[in-house]
Amino acid sequence: MRIFISHISEEALEATALKKGIKSALPDVEVFVSSVDIELGDPWLTKILKELEEVKVILALCSPASVRNPWINFEIGSAYAKGARVVPVCYKGLNTDQLPDPLAIFQTFELKKATSFRNMVDWLSTYVGVKVAENFNPLDVMNALNKASQKETASNTTEVGIVLTHRQDQWEKNRKSVFTLPDSLPETHKDKWSFRLLEDERTFLSKDLNELSGIILAIPWHSKMSPETIHTLVEWVRSGGRMLLLGFELGDRHHNSNLSELSHHFGIDPTSGDIVGPRGNTNNEDAGFGIPKPYGEPVFFDIISNLYSLTNGLANICLRNSQTVRVDPGGKEWLYVGQNYVCTPRADSVQYNDGIMATPGINYFVTNKSAGWLPVAVEAPKGLCEKGGVIMIGTWDLLDLTQEFAGDNLILLEGILNWLSHKD
C-alpha cells in the first residue's frame, strides 16, 4: 500500500514530518515525499509520474501558500485519473471552507490537534487495510509537525545562491562575472559572503531553497524556467527571500528565455528589444542606415540621486549590454539611462521565428536620444514582495571591467551582496 504526500518545496520539512508520523502509525505502508525520496540528479518528473501511477492515496498538504501553487493540482489530477483517493489535508490555519476548486470537492482533514491526526490515521488504516501500531502517539506527531512549521526562514540565513540551472554561466565566455562568485572578487572580498552554486533545477523544489537568504538569478541562456520553478521562487520571496534579477541586451524575446515571467510577479518589466549605448556622437545614423549595435561598449551611468541606500556616496556605475527596465508604482528606480542613448534594431532587420526575435545579417540600430529618464535598475514594490525583496539590473555584466571602466561597481556589488545576505 502506497501513500503519496503532495507538497510545495517551502513545506518540505512539514511533509517529511507528516511522512514520519504516518510511518510510525502505519509501519506497513510506503509513504512517498518527493523532496526526500528523489535525489538531486534523478529524473525527477519521471519518478513522480511513476509514483502517482502506483499510489493508493494522495494526501495534498494544503496551506494558504500551497493552494496558490498549480503543481498541487497537477499531482492530484494525475493521481485521481489513475484511480487514487485524493485527500486534502488542511493546516497552518487553512480551513476546509477556504479550499479552492478542485480541492474543495474531496473529503478533507483539518490538522489542528492530536485528535485530528488520530482521526486521519484511523481513516487511512481502514482505507488501505492495515492496522495502527500499538505504540503510536499522535501528540508526538503533531509536535513534530508544528516544529517543522516553525523552521528557520530565508530571512534568518546568510547564504547566497547563484543560479546556473538554466545555463546562465554560458553568458560569460570565461569573463569575470557573478556566475563565478566568489572567485571573481578581489582577495580582500572573497571571504565576506557565503555562496552556493545552484546547478540542478530540483533545488527550487526541495527544502534546500529555504536554506538561502538571497538568490542571484540572471536571464536564462536560450532556455526557459518551468512554471513550477517560477511559482516556487515567487513564494520563496514572499516568505522572506531576497532576489537580484539580471537581464541582458534585447531581452527575453531575442534570447528565447522567460525572465520576465518571473519579474512580472514583482511588478518589474524588463524591456525586450533595446540596448543602452554610450553617450557620444551618433550622427552617422543620419545617412538613414542607423548605427551598429553598441555591443560590449562600456556605458557610464551617473548617480543622480543619493536617496537610495545602494547608491549613497557613489559617483557612477559602468555597465555593458544593458537593457532598460520598468517598475510598477510603489517601486524604486535607482539608475537611469541619463546622458546615454537607447537603441533598438531597425525594423527591416528584424525577423520573428517561433516567437524569437532574430536580427540576421548586418544589424543596424535606430537610437532614442531622449530616453534619459528610463531606468536600468529598479527595486520592486514592497507590497508585491511581502516579507522579501527583489532588485533588477538590466545586465549581468557587473564585474569584467578594467580599472579604467570599473567605476563604483565593486562598491555597488558589495552593497547588493550585503542586502542579499541580510547584512544590511
Protein backbone atom coordinates (compact mmCIF):
# COMPACT_ATOMS: atom_id res chain seq x y z
CA MET A 1 0.00 0.00 0.00
CA ARG A 2 1.46 3.37 -1.03
CA ILE A 3 0.63 6.91 0.10
CA PHE A 4 1.86 9.99 -1.80
CA ILE A 5 2.20 13.32 0.06
CA SER A 6 1.86 16.25 -2.33
CA HIS A 7 3.53 19.43 -1.07
CA ILE A 8 5.26 22.62 -2.17
CA SER A 9 9.02 22.95 -1.70
CA GLU A 10 8.67 25.58 1.04
CA GLU A 11 6.86 22.94 3.13
CA ALA A 12 9.27 20.05 2.57
CA LEU A 13 10.06 19.81 6.28
CA GLU A 14 6.37 19.60 7.17
CA ALA A 15 5.83 16.90 4.52
CA THR A 16 8.78 14.96 5.95
CA ALA A 17 7.36 15.24 9.49
CA LEU A 18 3.99 14.03 8.23
CA LYS A 19 5.64 11.08 6.47
CA LYS A 20 7.44 10.04 9.67
CA GLY A 21 4.20 10.36 11.63
CA ILE A 22 2.25 8.18 9.22
CA LYS A 23 5.05 5.59 9.18
CA SER A 24 5.04 5.49 13.00
CA ALA A 25 1.31 4.81 12.91
CA LEU A 26 1.19 2.56 9.84
CA PRO A 27 4.63 0.95 9.51
CA ASP A 28 3.48 -1.42 6.75
CA VAL A 29 2.55 1.46 4.43
CA GLU A 30 5.00 3.04 1.97
CA VAL A 31 4.92 6.86 2.04
CA PHE A 32 6.45 8.91 -0.77
CA VAL A 33 7.62 12.53 -0.35
CA SER A 34 9.39 13.92 -3.43
CA SER A 35 11.69 16.33 -1.57
CA VAL A 36 13.32 13.49 0.39
CA ASP A 37 12.71 10.41 -1.78
CA ILE A 38 14.19 11.80 -5.00
CA GLU A 39 17.91 12.51 -5.09
CA LEU A 40 19.31 15.52 -6.94
CA GLY A 41 20.17 14.40 -10.43
CA ASP A 42 17.42 11.76 -10.60
CA PRO A 43 14.86 12.02 -13.44
CA TRP A 44 12.55 13.97 -11.16
CA LEU A 45 9.35 14.26 -13.22
CA THR A 46 9.61 10.69 -14.48
CA LYS A 47 9.90 9.35 -10.94
CA ILE A 48 6.97 11.41 -9.68
CA LEU A 49 4.74 10.26 -12.52
CA LYS A 50 5.69 6.66 -11.83
CA GLU A 51 4.82 7.05 -8.14
CA LEU A 52 1.49 8.65 -8.99
CA GLU A 53 0.57 5.59 -11.05
CA GLU A 54 1.06 3.27 -8.07
CA VAL A 55 -0.35 5.20 -5.09
CA LYS A 56 -3.50 4.19 -3.24
CA VAL A 57 -3.97 7.58 -1.53
CA ILE A 58 -2.60 11.04 -2.25
CA LEU A 59 -2.54 13.43 0.70
CA ALA A 60 -2.37 17.04 -0.51
CA LEU A 61 -0.80 19.32 2.12
CA CYS A 62 -2.96 22.45 1.92
CA SER A 63 -1.82 25.73 3.47
CA PRO A 64 -2.57 29.35 2.49
CA ALA A 65 0.63 29.23 0.37
CA SER A 66 0.30 25.79 -1.22
CA VAL A 67 -3.24 26.21 -2.55
CA ARG A 68 -1.90 29.03 -4.75
CA ASN A 69 0.51 26.59 -6.39
CA PRO A 70 -0.71 24.96 -9.63
CA TRP A 71 1.64 22.00 -9.11
CA ILE A 72 -0.61 20.60 -6.36
CA ASN A 73 -3.48 20.41 -8.85
CA PHE A 74 -1.22 18.66 -11.38
CA GLU A 75 -0.26 15.94 -8.90
CA ILE A 76 -3.75 15.31 -7.57
CA GLY A 77 -5.17 15.34 -11.10
CA SER A 78 -2.62 12.77 -12.26
CA ALA A 79 -3.28 10.50 -9.28
CA TYR A 80 -7.05 10.89 -9.49
CA ALA A 81 -7.00 9.89 -13.15
CA LYS A 82 -5.24 6.66 -12.14
CA GLY A 83 -7.88 5.85 -9.54
CA ALA A 84 -6.13 7.08 -6.36
CA ARG A 85 -8.11 8.52 -3.47
CA VAL A 86 -7.42 12.27 -3.10
CA VAL A 87 -7.46 13.70 0.43
CA PRO A 88 -6.67 17.39 1.06
CA VAL A 89 -5.04 17.91 4.48
CA CYS A 90 -5.57 21.47 5.75
CA TYR A 91 -3.13 23.01 8.21
CA LYS A 92 -1.33 26.29 9.03
CA GLY A 93 -4.69 27.95 9.68
CA LEU A 94 -6.38 26.95 6.42
CA ASN A 95 -9.95 25.70 6.91
CA THR A 96 -11.89 23.30 4.71
CA ASP A 97 -14.29 26.02 3.55
CA GLN A 98 -11.31 28.01 2.21
CA LEU A 99 -10.20 25.31 -0.21
CA PRO A 100 -10.43 26.32 -3.88
CA ASP A 101 -11.73 24.01 -6.60
CA PRO A 102 -10.94 21.26 -7.43
CA LEU A 103 -9.58 20.56 -3.91
CA ALA A 104 -12.90 21.54 -2.36
CA ILE A 105 -14.75 18.57 -3.89
CA PHE A 106 -12.83 15.93 -1.90
CA GLN A 107 -13.15 14.60 1.65
CA THR A 108 -10.83 16.71 3.82
CA PHE A 109 -9.00 16.53 7.14
CA GLU A 110 -8.00 19.56 9.20
CA LEU A 111 -4.84 19.01 11.25
CA LYS A 112 -5.39 21.28 14.22
CA LYS A 113 -4.65 18.97 17.16
CA ALA A 114 -3.57 15.43 18.01
CA THR A 115 -7.08 14.02 17.79
CA SER A 116 -7.33 15.36 14.23
CA PHE A 117 -4.24 13.39 13.22
CA ARG A 118 -5.56 10.29 15.01
CA ASN A 119 -8.81 10.53 13.03
CA MET A 120 -6.87 10.76 9.77
CA VAL A 121 -4.73 7.74 10.69
CA ASP A 122 -7.80 5.69 11.60
CA TRP A 123 -9.35 6.52 8.23
CA LEU A 124 -6.12 5.62 6.38
CA SER A 125 -5.92 2.37 8.35
CA THR A 126 -9.39 1.36 7.25
CA TYR A 127 -8.97 2.52 3.66
CA VAL A 128 -5.67 0.78 2.95
CA GLY A 129 -6.41 -2.23 5.16
CA VAL A 130 -3.55 -2.15 7.70
CA LYS A 131 -3.53 -1.96 11.48
CA VAL A 132 -2.42 1.04 13.53
CA ALA A 133 0.73 0.44 15.60
CA GLU A 134 0.01 0.00 19.31
CA ASN A 135 2.75 2.42 20.42
CA PHE A 136 1.64 5.20 18.07
CA ASN A 137 1.38 8.62 19.80
CA PRO A 138 -0.45 11.28 17.70
CA LEU A 139 0.69 14.05 20.07
CA ASP A 140 4.34 13.40 19.20
CA VAL A 141 3.48 13.65 15.52
CA MET A 142 1.65 16.96 15.90
CA ASN A 143 4.52 18.38 17.95
CA ALA A 144 6.97 17.40 15.20
CA LEU A 145 4.71 18.90 12.52
CA ASN A 146 4.37 22.17 14.43
CA LYS A 147 8.13 22.31 14.98
CA ALA A 148 8.71 21.83 11.26
CA SER A 149 6.29 24.67 10.52
CA GLN A 150 8.42 26.96 12.70
CA LYS A 151 11.58 26.17 10.69
CA GLU A 152 14.26 28.72 10.02
CA THR A 153 13.19 31.00 7.17
CA ALA A 154 15.28 32.57 4.45
CA SER A 155 15.49 35.86 6.36
CA ASN A 156 17.41 34.12 9.18
CA THR A 157 20.18 32.73 6.96
CA THR A 158 23.06 34.43 5.13
CA GLU A 159 23.99 32.12 2.23
CA VAL A 160 23.51 33.47 -1.31
CA GLY A 161 22.58 31.12 -4.15
CA ILE A 162 23.88 31.75 -7.68
CA VAL A 163 21.50 30.26 -10.23
CA LEU A 164 23.18 28.25 -13.01
CA THR A 165 20.26 25.86 -13.58
CA HIS A 166 19.36 27.42 -16.93
CA ARG A 167 22.88 27.67 -18.37
CA GLN A 168 23.43 31.22 -17.12
CA ASP A 169 27.18 30.65 -16.95
CA GLN A 170 27.19 30.29 -20.74
CA TRP A 171 26.84 34.06 -20.98
CA GLU A 172 30.24 34.83 -19.51
CA LYS A 173 32.63 33.22 -22.01
CA ASN A 174 35.41 32.95 -19.40
CA ARG A 175 34.98 36.52 -18.18
CA LYS A 176 34.67 37.57 -14.57
CA SER A 177 31.02 37.62 -13.61
CA VAL A 178 28.51 36.99 -10.86
CA PHE A 179 28.37 33.41 -12.12
CA THR A 180 31.89 32.79 -10.79
CA LEU A 181 31.47 34.33 -7.33
CA PRO A 182 33.39 34.38 -5.06
CA ASP A 183 36.39 33.68 -7.33
CA SER A 184 35.76 36.79 -9.42
CA LEU A 185 36.02 39.07 -6.35
CA PRO A 186 39.25 40.66 -5.15
CA GLU A 187 41.09 38.64 -2.50
CA THR A 188 40.04 41.17 0.16
CA HIS A 189 36.36 40.48 -0.55
CA LYS A 190 36.16 36.72 -1.15
CA ASP A 191 35.52 35.71 2.46
CA LYS A 192 32.88 38.31 3.24
CA TRP A 193 29.95 36.28 1.92
CA SER A 194 28.90 32.65 1.62
CA PHE A 195 27.80 31.39 -1.80
CA ARG A 196 26.19 28.25 -3.18
CA LEU A 197 26.08 27.37 -6.86
CA LEU A 198 22.61 26.13 -7.90
CA GLU A 199 23.13 23.78 -10.83
CA ASP A 200 20.10 21.47 -10.56
CA GLU A 201 16.58 22.83 -11.07
CA ARG A 202 15.33 20.43 -8.42
CA THR A 203 16.94 22.73 -5.85
CA PHE A 204 13.96 25.03 -6.36
CA LEU A 205 11.61 22.18 -5.46
CA SER A 206 13.39 20.98 -2.32
CA LYS A 207 13.96 22.15 1.22
CA ASP A 208 17.44 23.36 0.15
CA LEU A 209 15.86 26.52 -1.27
CA ASN A 210 14.85 27.66 2.19
CA GLU A 211 18.45 27.48 3.39
CA LEU A 212 19.27 30.54 1.24
CA SER A 213 18.86 34.16 2.28
CA GLY A 214 19.29 35.51 -1.23
CA ILE A 215 19.46 34.44 -4.86
CA ILE A 216 21.23 35.91 -7.89
CA LEU A 217 19.21 34.94 -10.95
CA ALA A 218 20.26 36.13 -14.40
CA ILE A 219 18.35 35.76 -17.65
CA PRO A 220 18.45 32.10 -18.79
CA TRP A 221 20.77 31.30 -21.67
CA HIS A 222 18.46 30.24 -24.50
CA SER A 223 16.24 28.22 -22.15
CA LYS A 224 13.14 28.73 -20.04
CA MET A 225 12.21 28.26 -16.41
CA SER A 226 9.28 25.94 -15.71
CA PRO A 227 6.02 27.34 -14.28
CA GLU A 228 6.67 25.36 -11.08
CA THR A 229 10.12 26.91 -10.65
CA ILE A 230 8.73 30.40 -11.18
CA HIS A 231 5.89 29.87 -8.72
CA THR A 232 8.23 28.42 -6.10
CA LEU A 233 10.64 31.37 -6.40
CA VAL A 234 7.74 33.81 -6.04
CA GLU A 235 6.57 32.11 -2.84
CA TRP A 236 10.16 31.96 -1.57
CA VAL A 237 10.48 35.74 -1.94
CA ARG A 238 7.13 36.34 -0.28
CA SER A 239 8.26 34.25 2.70
CA GLY A 240 11.36 36.41 3.23
CA GLY A 241 13.90 35.69 0.49
CA ARG A 242 15.71 38.42 -1.42
CA MET A 243 16.46 38.18 -5.12
CA LEU A 244 18.70 40.00 -7.58
CA LEU A 245 17.42 39.66 -11.16
CA LEU A 246 19.83 40.38 -14.02
CA GLY A 247 18.69 40.98 -17.59
CA PHE A 248 20.68 41.43 -20.79
CA GLU A 249 20.51 43.40 -24.05
CA LEU A 250 17.42 42.84 -26.26
CA GLY A 251 15.83 40.72 -23.53
CA ASP A 252 13.70 37.56 -23.47
CA ARG A 253 12.24 37.80 -26.95
CA HIS A 254 15.67 37.78 -28.54
CA HIS A 255 17.25 35.13 -26.30
CA ASN A 256 14.25 32.75 -26.14
CA SER A 257 14.12 32.96 -22.35
CA ASN A 258 11.46 33.92 -19.81
CA LEU A 259 12.96 36.04 -17.04
CA SER A 260 10.04 38.44 -17.46
CA GLU A 261 7.54 35.73 -16.47
CA LEU A 262 9.19 35.76 -13.06
CA SER A 263 9.82 39.51 -12.78
CA HIS A 264 6.21 40.41 -13.67
CA HIS A 265 5.08 38.85 -10.38
CA PHE A 266 7.01 41.65 -8.68
CA GLY A 267 5.87 44.49 -10.92
CA ILE A 268 9.11 44.62 -12.92
CA ASP A 269 9.14 44.65 -16.71
CA PRO A 270 12.50 44.22 -18.49
CA THR A 271 12.25 45.89 -21.90
CA SER A 272 12.53 43.47 -24.78
CA GLY A 273 14.37 44.76 -27.81
CA ASP A 274 16.62 47.55 -26.55
CA ILE A 275 20.24 48.08 -25.59
CA VAL A 276 21.81 51.13 -23.97
CA GLY A 277 24.63 52.79 -25.89
CA PRO A 278 27.25 55.23 -24.59
CA ARG A 279 26.93 58.98 -24.75
CA GLY A 280 28.72 60.45 -27.75
CA ASN A 281 28.40 61.08 -31.46
CA THR A 282 25.75 59.08 -33.30
CA ASN A 283 25.37 61.43 -36.26
CA ASN A 284 26.21 58.68 -38.75
CA GLU A 285 22.69 57.38 -38.41
CA ASP A 286 21.51 60.46 -40.31
CA ALA A 287 22.52 58.69 -43.51
CA GLY A 288 19.47 56.50 -42.98
CA PHE A 289 21.26 53.31 -42.10
CA GLY A 290 21.21 53.66 -38.32
CA ILE A 291 24.25 52.77 -36.22
CA PRO A 292 25.95 49.46 -35.45
CA LYS A 293 24.80 47.63 -32.35
CA PRO A 294 26.76 49.02 -29.36
CA TYR A 295 27.55 45.54 -28.10
CA GLY A 296 30.24 45.30 -25.43
CA GLU A 297 30.81 49.05 -25.22
CA PRO A 298 31.28 50.40 -21.67
CA VAL A 299 28.49 52.77 -20.69
CA PHE A 300 28.81 55.11 -17.69
CA PHE A 301 25.68 55.86 -15.69
CA ASP A 302 25.80 58.88 -13.40
CA ILE A 303 24.28 58.63 -9.94
CA ILE A 304 21.81 61.49 -9.95
CA SER A 305 20.34 60.85 -6.50
CA ASN A 306 21.69 59.69 -3.16
CA LEU A 307 18.22 58.85 -1.89
CA TYR A 308 18.71 55.13 -2.48
CA SER A 309 20.74 53.13 0.03
CA LEU A 310 22.72 51.11 -2.51
CA THR A 311 23.94 54.18 -4.40
CA ASN A 312 24.65 56.52 -1.49
CA GLY A 313 28.10 58.02 -1.94
CA LEU A 314 28.65 56.56 -5.43
CA ALA A 315 29.63 58.70 -8.42
CA ASN A 316 28.96 56.44 -11.39
CA ILE A 317 28.40 52.86 -12.47
CA CYS A 318 29.76 51.31 -15.66
CA LEU A 319 27.73 48.60 -17.40
CA ARG A 320 27.74 46.92 -20.78
CA ASN A 321 24.96 45.41 -22.85
CA SER A 322 22.21 46.64 -20.55
CA GLN A 323 18.51 46.76 -21.28
CA THR A 324 16.09 49.20 -19.70
CA VAL A 325 13.54 48.04 -17.12
CA ARG A 326 10.30 49.48 -15.76
CA VAL A 327 8.65 49.06 -12.38
CA ASP A 328 5.07 49.40 -11.17
CA PRO A 329 4.01 52.24 -8.86
CA GLY A 330 5.46 51.84 -5.38
CA GLY A 331 8.76 50.53 -6.69
CA LYS A 332 12.03 52.47 -6.82
CA GLU A 333 14.01 53.50 -9.90
CA TRP A 334 17.63 53.93 -8.88
CA LEU A 335 19.79 54.03 -12.02
CA TYR A 336 18.86 55.83 -15.24
CA VAL A 337 19.99 55.98 -18.87
CA GLY A 338 20.88 59.63 -18.28
CA GLN A 339 23.09 61.18 -20.97
CA ASN A 340 23.40 57.89 -22.83
CA TYR A 341 21.01 56.69 -25.50
CA VAL A 342 18.74 53.68 -26.06
CA CYS A 343 18.65 51.92 -29.39
CA THR A 344 16.54 49.21 -30.97
CA PRO A 345 17.01 47.09 -34.12
CA ARG A 346 15.98 48.80 -37.34
CA ALA A 347 12.54 47.50 -38.34
CA ASP A 348 13.67 45.98 -41.63
CA SER A 349 16.45 43.99 -39.92
CA VAL A 350 14.18 42.04 -37.55
CA GLN A 351 12.57 38.66 -38.10
CA TYR A 352 10.28 36.73 -35.75
CA ASN A 353 10.62 32.96 -35.87
CA ASP A 354 8.51 30.88 -33.43
CA GLY A 355 8.29 33.86 -31.09
CA ILE A 356 12.02 34.58 -31.17
CA MET A 357 13.23 38.00 -32.32
CA ALA A 358 16.12 37.36 -34.68
CA THR A 359 18.32 40.02 -36.23
CA PRO A 360 20.05 38.16 -39.09
CA GLY A 361 22.78 39.56 -41.26
CA ILE A 362 24.14 43.07 -40.73
CA ASN A 363 22.36 44.70 -37.82
CA TYR A 364 21.65 48.40 -37.75
CA PHE A 365 20.01 50.13 -34.83
CA VAL A 366 17.98 53.31 -34.52
CA THR A 367 18.58 55.49 -31.49
CA ASN A 368 16.39 57.28 -29.00
CA LYS A 369 18.39 60.18 -27.59
CA SER A 370 15.52 61.37 -25.39
CA ALA A 371 15.37 58.26 -23.21
CA GLY A 372 17.44 59.58 -20.32
CA TRP A 373 14.52 59.12 -17.92
CA LEU A 374 14.32 55.36 -18.49
CA PRO A 375 15.70 53.26 -15.62
CA VAL A 376 18.18 50.39 -15.98
CA ALA A 377 17.92 49.32 -12.33
CA VAL A 378 14.86 49.16 -10.07
CA GLU A 379 13.55 47.73 -6.82
CA ALA A 380 10.14 46.01 -6.73
CA PRO A 381 7.24 47.44 -4.71
CA LYS A 382 7.25 46.11 -1.15
CA GLY A 383 3.59 45.20 -1.43
CA LEU A 384 4.37 42.65 -4.16
CA CYS A 385 7.27 41.04 -2.28
CA GLU A 386 5.57 40.69 1.14
CA LYS A 387 8.37 39.68 3.57
CA GLY A 388 11.13 39.58 0.92
CA GLY A 389 12.53 41.88 -1.74
CA VAL A 390 13.54 41.97 -5.41
CA ILE A 391 16.04 44.17 -7.26
CA MET A 392 16.63 44.09 -11.00
CA ILE A 393 19.54 45.43 -13.05
CA GLY A 394 19.41 45.35 -16.86
CA THR A 395 22.65 43.35 -17.27
CA TRP A 396 24.63 40.58 -15.59
CA ASP A 397 27.90 42.21 -16.72
CA LEU A 398 28.96 43.93 -13.49
CA LEU A 399 32.50 42.68 -12.89
CA ASP A 400 34.58 42.15 -16.03
CA LEU A 401 35.85 45.70 -16.21
CA THR A 402 39.35 47.15 -16.15
CA GLN A 403 40.15 49.76 -13.54
CA GLU A 404 39.64 52.44 -16.16
CA PHE A 405 36.00 51.47 -16.58
CA ALA A 406 35.23 49.93 -13.19
CA GLY A 407 33.50 52.98 -11.76
CA ASP A 408 31.93 52.20 -8.39
CA ASN A 409 30.72 48.76 -9.49
CA LEU A 410 32.51 46.83 -6.75
CA ILE A 411 31.08 49.08 -4.05
CA LEU A 412 27.61 48.63 -5.53
CA LEU A 413 28.03 44.84 -5.69
CA GLU A 414 29.23 44.78 -2.09
CA GLY A 415 26.07 46.59 -1.02
CA ILE A 416 23.89 44.21 -3.03
CA LEU A 417 25.59 41.14 -1.54
CA ASN A 418 25.09 42.55 1.97
CA TRP A 419 21.43 43.08 1.11
CA LEU A 420 21.07 39.54 -0.26
CA SER A 421 22.77 38.17 2.88
CA HIS A 422 20.51 40.22 5.18
CA LYS A 423 23.58 42.07 6.48
CA ASP A 424 22.26 45.48 5.53
